[in-house]
Amino acid sequence: MAAPIFRLLGEAFKRFDKDQCFRHSVVISYFALMCAVPLIALFAFVATKVLGNAEIVLRGLNIFTEDFFVKFDPALFDSLKEISQHTSNL
């Protein structure tokens, strides 16, 4: 009973390796991480336009920790607010 299971798992692993699935999974993971940054920025921009306050949006992301945004200079939030108000010029 155990032999067919091991044979099946061995064959699945060989085909997985033959199709280079390990390499493809690394590529997918890499591009997912690289695309996460612009997607978060896009989300922050859209949410700022909807909510009207950049500080609330950045605190709402809460990606890292609660203490992460506390370390930012308050001028950053003013700059983000300024950018979101002038998007019609872009």
Protein backbone atom coordinates (compact mmCIF):
# COMPACT_ATOMS: atom_id res chain seq x y z
CA MET A 1 0.00 0.00 0.00
CA ALA A 2 2.80 2.43 0.87
CA ALA A 3 4.86 1.66 -2.25
CA PRO A 4 2.34 3.08 -4.78
CA ILE A 5 2.04 6.28 -2.75
CA PHE A 6 5.81 6.79 -2.69
CA ARG A 7 6.03 5.96 -6.37
CA LEU A 8 3.27 8.49 -7.13
CA LEU A 9 4.98 11.18 -5.03
CA GLY A 10 8.32 10.45 -6.70
CA GLU A 11 6.78 10.72 -10.16
CA ALA A 12 5.02 13.97 -9.21
CA PHE A 13 8.31 15.42 -7.93
CA LYS A 14 10.15 14.39 -11.12
CA ARG A 15 7.53 16.04 -13.32
CA PHE A 16 7.50 19.12 -11.10
CA ASP A 17 11.26 19.40 -11.50
CA LYS A 18 11.16 18.62 -15.24
CA ASP A 19 8.67 21.47 -15.82
CA GLN A 20 10.97 23.84 -13.90
CA CYS A 21 8.19 24.72 -11.49
CA PHE A 22 10.66 25.73 -8.77
CA ARG A 23 12.10 28.43 -11.04
CA HIS A 24 8.66 29.60 -12.10
CA SER A 25 7.49 29.85 -8.50
CA VAL A 26 10.49 32.06 -7.67
CA VAL A 27 9.71 34.31 -10.64
CA ILE A 28 6.06 34.61 -9.64
CA SER A 29 7.02 35.45 -6.05
CA TYR A 30 9.54 38.05 -7.19
CA PHE A 31 7.09 39.86 -9.44
CA ALA A 32 4.34 39.67 -6.82
CA LEU A 33 6.60 41.44 -4.35
CA MET A 34 7.71 43.99 -6.95
CA CYS A 35 4.11 44.76 -7.89
CA ALA A 36 2.99 45.08 -4.27
CA VAL A 37 4.75 48.43 -3.78
CA PRO A 38 3.01 50.25 -6.67
CA LEU A 39 -0.31 48.66 -5.76
CA ILE A 40 -0.02 49.90 -2.18
CA ALA A 41 0.88 53.36 -3.48
CA LEU A 42 -2.12 53.29 -5.82
CA PHE A 43 -4.38 52.20 -2.98
CA ALA A 44 -3.06 55.02 -0.78
CA PHE A 45 -3.64 57.56 -3.55
CA VAL A 46 -7.21 56.43 -4.26
CA ALA A 47 -8.06 56.16 -0.57
CA THR A 48 -6.65 59.65 0.03
CA LYS A 49 -8.88 61.02 -2.70
CA VAL A 50 -11.91 59.27 -1.20
CA LEU A 51 -11.21 59.94 2.48
CA GLY A 52 -9.47 63.26 2.00
CA ASN A 53 -6.84 62.74 4.71
CA ALA A 54 -3.47 61.16 3.94
CA GLU A 55 -2.65 60.43 7.56
CA ILE A 56 -5.77 58.31 8.05
CA VAL A 57 -4.99 56.36 4.87
CA LEU A 58 -1.39 55.63 5.84
CA ARG A 59 -2.39 54.56 9.32
CA GLY A 60 -5.12 52.41 7.78
CA LEU A 61 -2.61 50.50 5.68
CA ASN A 62 -0.94 49.28 8.89
CA ILE A 63 1.42 47.07 6.90
CA PHE A 64 4.30 46.95 9.32
CA THR A 65 3.40 48.00 12.85
CA GLU A 66 1.57 50.74 14.66
CA ASP A 67 4.92 52.33 15.55
CA PHE A 68 6.07 52.50 11.93
CA PHE A 69 4.13 55.65 11.00
CA VAL A 70 4.87 57.37 14.31
CA LYS A 71 8.52 57.69 13.26
CA PHE A 72 7.60 59.66 10.11
CA ASP A 73 8.03 63.39 10.01
CA PRO A 74 4.63 65.16 10.07
CA ALA A 75 5.78 67.06 6.99
CA LEU A 76 5.41 63.82 5.01
CA PHE A 77 1.67 63.80 5.62
CA ASP A 78 1.47 67.44 4.55
CA SER A 79 3.39 66.61 1.36
CA LEU A 80 1.06 63.71 0.57
CA LYS A 81 -1.94 65.94 1.14
CA GLU A 82 -0.42 68.57 -1.16
CA ILE A 83 0.20 65.99 -3.90
CA SER A 84 -3.30 64.56 -3.69
CA GLN A 85 -4.84 68.04 -3.97
CA HIS A 86 -2.93 68.83 -7.17
CA THR A 87 -3.59 65.64 -9.08
CA SER A 88 -5.80 67.46 -11.58
CA ASN A 89 -2.65 69.23 -12.83
CA LEU A 90 -1.03 65.87 -13.57
